[in-house]
């Protein structure tokens, strides 16, 4: 699948990624003393070069509704901390057992398994610390809403629940596509949906507007995962920054194994069209989010 990506959009994406990296560098400063190793592991997991797609969505949605830049940056950083924690734990030997992430050794390989667990735990805690701070928003009720959304997206009814489903084979009699879709909407989709919710809340979006953004991120999140499955089959490990063909080697079911390559690509196109349709009411204000769909479909890593 080849979709044109606006060079101006890619520049904007890179600028936001750099701003998030600077913010995380300040939020996770180097330390001395007994906790220094933990802080180094946290920085290894959170500051590594990545797309920063989730915080980008937070910032672009928030800007649509006129949110304050400082609030957006902190909210986006909290979302990225939660994402970084999930990747560190996802890579552990007891989970997906990956040696590389974003072109560098995973945290448990660069340090050790126990340190990786603690680094993930600490990044999760930091996400809540950022969200609950008055520096993120002066209104305590708003901070409570943000923390509620963060909790639901990352817990048993969200990302962690999806990871639990992913760890167990599909039972006989279950619909593989239905189980897989639910698993990925929880494991991958919930944090992408959270990213949009944080931006919409900080921007004071109305309920109908928030529903439109949720529909967009819901479809975008599933499309993102199907593209990920396609890259596992067709991707270049050098570009991916991690091993390819892991699912097939492990005998795991994914969208490509169920739908085939052509069927998976067709489903991505369908989801992309739906995601864009959710943004129709916003007109040109949503241009950046529309370009985000094309970026997700065109990504090679």
Protein backbone atom coordinates (compact mmCIF):
# COMPACT_ATOMS: atom_id res chain seq x y z
CA UNK A 1 0.00 0.00 0.00
CA UNK A 2 1.39 3.38 -0.98
CA UNK A 3 -0.23 6.61 0.14
CA UNK A 4 1.23 10.05 -0.36
CA UNK A 5 2.29 11.73 2.87
CA UNK A 6 2.52 15.51 2.89
CA UNK A 7 6.15 16.60 3.56
CA UNK A 8 4.84 19.46 5.71
CA UNK A 9 2.96 16.91 7.81
CA UNK A 10 6.08 14.79 8.30
CA UNK A 11 7.97 17.88 9.39
CA UNK A 12 5.21 18.67 11.89
CA UNK A 13 5.28 15.07 13.15
CA UNK A 14 9.04 15.26 13.68
CA UNK A 15 8.79 18.61 15.44
CA UNK A 16 6.22 17.26 17.89
CA UNK A 17 8.32 14.12 18.47
CA UNK A 18 11.31 16.31 19.32
CA UNK A 19 9.22 18.40 21.73
CA UNK A 20 7.95 15.26 23.48
CA UNK A 21 11.51 13.92 23.77
CA UNK A 22 12.65 17.20 25.37
CA UNK A 23 9.70 17.09 27.77
CA UNK A 24 10.46 13.49 28.76
CA UNK A 25 14.12 14.35 29.21
CA UNK A 26 13.05 16.95 31.79
CA UNK A 27 10.47 14.69 33.44
CA UNK A 28 12.95 11.78 33.77
CA UNK A 29 16.20 13.52 34.69
CA UNK A 30 19.46 11.62 35.19
CA UNK A 31 19.98 10.72 38.85
CA UNK A 32 22.79 9.74 41.14
CA UNK A 33 22.66 7.33 44.03
CA UNK A 34 20.89 3.98 44.39
CA UNK A 35 18.07 4.86 41.98
CA UNK A 36 20.41 5.96 39.16
CA UNK A 37 20.20 2.61 37.36
CA UNK A 38 16.41 2.74 37.43
CA UNK A 39 16.38 6.25 35.97
CA UNK A 40 18.78 5.19 33.21
CA UNK A 41 16.50 2.28 32.34
CA UNK A 42 13.45 4.56 32.29
CA UNK A 43 15.26 6.97 29.98
CA UNK A 44 16.40 4.09 27.76
CA UNK A 45 12.79 3.00 27.30
CA UNK A 46 11.13 6.42 27.04
CA UNK A 47 13.69 8.57 25.22
CA UNK A 48 14.52 6.14 22.41
CA UNK A 49 13.68 7.37 18.93
CA UNK A 50 10.10 6.60 18.00
CA UNK A 51 7.18 7.92 15.96
CA UNK A 52 5.50 9.48 19.04
CA UNK A 53 2.20 8.94 17.24
CA UNK A 54 0.06 8.89 20.39
CA UNK A 55 1.32 12.20 21.83
CA UNK A 56 1.09 13.69 18.34
CA UNK A 57 -2.61 12.83 18.23
CA UNK A 58 -3.10 14.38 21.68
CA UNK A 59 -1.49 17.62 20.60
CA UNK A 60 -3.20 17.85 17.20
CA UNK A 61 -6.67 17.09 18.63
CA UNK A 62 -6.13 19.59 21.44
CA UNK A 63 -5.05 22.28 19.00
CA UNK A 64 -8.26 21.79 17.02
CA UNK A 65 -10.18 22.89 20.09
CA UNK A 66 -7.79 25.62 21.26
CA UNK A 67 -6.21 23.85 24.25
CA UNK A 68 -3.26 25.49 26.01
CA UNK A 69 0.10 24.28 24.69
CA UNK A 70 1.61 23.58 28.12
CA UNK A 71 -1.35 21.43 29.14
CA UNK A 72 -1.25 19.57 25.84
CA UNK A 73 2.46 18.89 26.06
CA UNK A 74 2.18 17.49 29.57
CA UNK A 75 -0.91 15.42 28.72
CA UNK A 76 0.85 14.05 25.64
CA UNK A 77 3.96 13.23 27.70
CA UNK A 78 1.82 11.28 30.18
CA UNK A 79 0.31 9.25 27.34
CA UNK A 80 3.79 8.51 26.00
CA UNK A 81 5.03 7.42 29.45
CA UNK A 82 2.17 4.92 29.64
CA UNK A 83 3.00 3.70 26.13
CA UNK A 84 6.72 3.36 26.95
CA UNK A 85 5.88 1.34 30.06
CA UNK A 86 3.68 -0.98 27.99
CA UNK A 87 6.47 -1.58 25.47
CA UNK A 88 9.05 -2.35 28.16
CA UNK A 89 6.76 -4.95 29.75
CA UNK A 90 5.56 -6.28 26.37
CA UNK A 91 9.18 -7.04 25.42
CA UNK A 92 9.90 -9.08 28.57
CA UNK A 93 10.74 -12.80 28.25
CA UNK A 94 7.47 -13.71 29.99
CA UNK A 95 5.50 -11.73 27.38
CA UNK A 96 6.67 -11.35 23.74
CA UNK A 97 10.37 -11.90 24.51
CA UNK A 98 11.86 -9.31 22.14
CA UNK A 99 15.53 -8.36 22.02
CA UNK A 100 15.20 -5.11 20.03
CA UNK A 101 12.84 -2.17 20.08
CA UNK A 102 13.18 1.00 18.00
CA UNK A 103 16.53 -0.16 16.70
CA UNK A 104 18.18 -0.65 20.10
CA UNK A 105 18.30 -3.42 22.70
CA UNK A 106 15.13 -3.72 24.75
CA UNK A 107 15.35 -2.55 28.36
CA UNK A 108 15.68 -6.05 29.83
CA UNK A 109 18.56 -6.71 27.41
CA UNK A 110 20.31 -3.39 28.02
CA UNK A 111 19.94 -3.75 31.80
CA UNK A 112 18.27 -6.83 33.29
CA UNK A 113 14.80 -8.27 33.67
CA UNK A 114 14.10 -6.99 37.18
CA UNK A 115 15.24 -3.48 36.29
CA UNK A 116 13.00 -3.54 33.21
CA UNK A 117 9.97 -4.47 35.32
CA UNK A 118 10.71 -1.64 37.75
CA UNK A 119 11.37 0.86 34.94
CA UNK A 120 7.98 0.04 33.44
CA UNK A 121 6.31 0.35 36.84
CA UNK A 122 7.95 3.72 37.41
CA UNK A 123 6.93 5.07 33.99
CA UNK A 124 3.34 4.02 34.64
CA UNK A 125 3.41 5.87 37.96
CA UNK A 126 4.96 8.91 36.28
CA UNK A 127 2.08 9.05 33.79
CA UNK A 128 -0.37 9.44 36.66
CA UNK A 129 1.91 11.90 38.44
CA UNK A 130 1.93 14.13 35.35
CA UNK A 131 -1.83 13.94 34.81
CA UNK A 132 -2.73 14.77 38.41
CA UNK A 133 -0.39 17.76 38.66
CA UNK A 134 -1.88 21.30 38.67
CA UNK A 135 0.77 22.11 36.06
CA UNK A 136 -1.22 19.99 33.61
CA UNK A 137 -4.54 21.73 34.33
CA UNK A 138 -5.59 24.14 37.04
CA UNK A 139 -9.08 22.59 37.41
CA UNK A 140 -9.04 19.62 39.80
CA UNK A 141 -12.19 18.16 38.22
CA UNK A 142 -10.49 18.13 34.82
CA UNK A 143 -7.45 16.39 36.31
CA UNK A 144 -9.76 13.76 37.79
CA UNK A 145 -11.32 13.19 34.35
CA UNK A 146 -7.88 12.82 32.78
CA UNK A 147 -6.79 10.31 35.43
CA UNK A 148 -10.05 8.37 34.99
CA UNK A 149 -9.47 8.11 31.23
CA UNK A 150 -5.84 7.07 31.77
CA UNK A 151 -6.89 4.39 34.25
CA UNK A 152 -9.60 2.89 32.05
CA UNK A 153 -7.40 2.86 28.94
CA UNK A 154 -4.44 1.19 30.63
CA UNK A 155 -6.09 -1.28 33.02
CA UNK A 156 -7.95 -4.59 32.88
CA UNK A 157 -10.67 -3.15 30.62
CA UNK A 158 -8.04 -1.63 28.34
CA UNK A 159 -4.42 -2.25 27.41
CA UNK A 160 -3.57 -4.80 30.12
CA UNK A 161 -6.75 -6.75 29.40
CA UNK A 162 -5.75 -6.89 25.74
CA UNK A 163 -2.29 -8.16 26.66
CA UNK A 164 -3.89 -10.90 28.77
CA UNK A 165 -5.99 -12.03 25.79
CA UNK A 166 -2.87 -11.97 23.61
CA UNK A 167 -1.04 -14.36 25.96
CA UNK A 168 -3.54 -17.19 25.55
CA UNK A 169 -4.38 -19.19 22.39
CA UNK A 170 -7.84 -18.82 20.90
CA UNK A 171 -10.11 -21.54 22.24
CA UNK A 172 -11.90 -24.02 20.03
CA UNK A 173 -15.30 -22.69 19.03
CA UNK A 174 -14.29 -19.02 19.31
CA UNK A 175 -14.36 -16.77 16.26
CA UNK A 176 -10.65 -15.98 15.67
CA UNK A 177 -11.35 -12.67 13.93
CA UNK A 178 -13.71 -11.52 16.67
CA UNK A 179 -11.26 -12.44 19.44
CA UNK A 180 -8.34 -10.84 17.61
CA UNK A 181 -10.26 -7.63 16.91
CA UNK A 182 -11.28 -7.30 20.57
CA UNK A 183 -7.75 -8.04 21.73
CA UNK A 184 -6.20 -5.39 19.49
CA UNK A 185 -8.84 -2.77 20.26
CA UNK A 186 -7.88 -3.19 23.91
CA UNK A 187 -4.13 -3.76 23.68
CA UNK A 188 -3.27 -1.23 20.96
CA UNK A 189 -6.40 0.79 20.33
CA UNK A 190 -7.18 1.94 23.87
CA UNK A 191 -4.03 4.08 24.20
CA UNK A 192 -4.57 5.60 20.76
CA UNK A 193 -8.15 6.41 21.73
CA UNK A 194 -6.87 7.81 25.04
CA UNK A 195 -4.52 10.10 23.12
CA UNK A 196 -7.46 11.67 21.32
CA UNK A 197 -9.58 11.86 24.48
CA UNK A 198 -6.89 13.74 26.39
CA UNK A 199 -6.57 16.33 23.64
CA UNK A 200 -10.34 16.72 23.33
CA UNK A 201 -10.82 17.10 27.09
CA UNK A 202 -8.04 19.64 27.45
CA UNK A 203 -9.53 21.59 24.54
CA UNK A 204 -13.02 21.64 26.04
CA UNK A 205 -14.59 19.72 23.14
CA UNK A 206 -18.34 19.09 23.28
CA UNK A 207 -19.67 15.56 23.75
CA UNK A 208 -20.60 15.13 20.09
CA UNK A 209 -17.14 16.31 19.06
CA UNK A 210 -15.50 13.94 21.51
CA UNK A 211 -17.55 11.05 20.09
CA UNK A 212 -16.35 11.90 16.58
CA UNK A 213 -12.72 11.93 17.75
CA UNK A 214 -13.27 8.61 19.56
CA UNK A 215 -14.66 7.06 16.38
CA UNK A 216 -11.64 8.33 14.45
CA UNK A 217 -9.07 7.00 16.92
CA UNK A 218 -10.91 3.69 17.29
CA UNK A 219 -10.68 2.99 13.56
CA UNK A 220 -7.16 4.42 13.32
CA UNK A 221 -5.96 2.17 16.16
CA UNK A 222 -7.23 -0.99 14.50
CA UNK A 223 -5.79 0.07 11.14
CA UNK A 224 -2.45 0.70 12.87
CA UNK A 225 -2.40 -2.86 14.22
CA UNK A 226 -3.31 -4.46 10.91
CA UNK A 227 -0.51 -2.50 9.23
CA UNK A 228 1.76 -3.80 12.01
CA UNK A 229 0.72 -7.36 11.16
CA UNK A 230 1.41 -6.70 7.47
CA UNK A 231 4.86 -5.35 8.34
CA UNK A 232 5.53 -8.51 10.35
CA UNK A 233 5.07 -10.39 7.07
CA UNK A 234 6.43 -7.92 4.51
CA UNK A 235 8.62 -5.57 6.56
CA UNK A 236 12.40 -5.19 6.60
CA UNK A 237 13.85 -5.78 10.10
CA UNK A 238 16.43 -3.03 9.43
CA UNK A 239 13.61 -0.54 8.88
CA UNK A 240 11.38 -1.96 11.59
CA UNK A 241 14.06 -1.70 14.28
CA UNK A 242 12.90 -5.09 15.60
CA UNK A 243 12.55 -8.66 14.39
CA UNK A 244 10.07 -9.47 11.63
CA UNK A 245 7.96 -12.63 11.14
CA UNK A 246 7.68 -13.09 14.89
CA UNK A 247 3.98 -14.00 14.82
CA UNK A 248 4.34 -16.65 12.12
CA UNK A 249 7.45 -18.11 13.78
CA UNK A 250 5.56 -18.34 17.07
CA UNK A 251 2.44 -19.75 15.40
CA UNK A 252 0.36 -16.78 16.57
CA UNK A 253 -2.84 -15.77 14.83
CA UNK A 254 -2.95 -12.25 13.43
CA UNK A 255 -5.00 -10.34 10.87
CA UNK A 256 -2.83 -11.48 7.97
CA UNK A 257 -3.01 -15.16 8.91
CA UNK A 258 -6.82 -14.90 9.10
CA UNK A 259 -7.59 -12.52 6.22
CA UNK A 260 -4.56 -13.05 3.98
CA UNK A 261 -2.37 -10.20 2.75
CA UNK A 262 -4.92 -8.85 0.27
CA UNK A 263 -7.78 -9.17 2.73
CA UNK A 264 -5.80 -7.38 5.45
CA UNK A 265 -4.93 -4.55 3.06
CA UNK A 266 -8.59 -4.25 2.10
CA UNK A 267 -9.59 -4.03 5.74
CA UNK A 268 -7.01 -1.30 6.33
CA UNK A 269 -8.41 0.73 3.45
CA UNK A 270 -11.93 0.31 4.84
CA UNK A 271 -10.89 1.43 8.32
CA UNK A 272 -8.95 4.38 6.90
CA UNK A 273 -12.01 5.59 5.00
CA UNK A 274 -14.15 5.26 8.13
CA UNK A 275 -11.60 7.12 10.25
CA UNK A 276 -11.57 10.02 7.80
CA UNK A 277 -15.36 10.11 7.65
CA UNK A 278 -15.53 10.67 11.41
CA UNK A 279 -13.61 13.92 10.87
CA UNK A 280 -15.87 15.31 8.12
CA UNK A 281 -17.71 17.71 10.46
CA UNK A 282 -14.45 19.44 11.43
CA UNK A 283 -13.57 20.55 7.90
CA UNK A 284 -10.05 21.84 7.30
CA UNK A 285 -9.37 22.00 11.05
CA UNK A 286 -8.82 18.24 10.91
CA UNK A 287 -6.28 18.26 8.06
CA UNK A 288 -3.43 17.13 10.31
CA UNK A 289 -5.50 14.22 11.63
CA UNK A 290 -6.46 13.26 8.07
CA UNK A 291 -2.77 13.19 7.11
CA UNK A 292 -2.15 11.02 10.19
CA UNK A 293 -4.32 8.28 8.65
CA UNK A 294 -2.21 8.29 5.48
CA UNK A 295 0.96 8.25 7.58
CA UNK A 296 -0.20 5.17 9.49
CA UNK A 297 -1.06 3.36 6.26
CA UNK A 298 2.24 4.31 4.64
CA UNK A 299 4.59 3.57 7.55
CA UNK A 300 7.44 1.13 7.13
CA UNK A 301 8.37 0.79 10.82
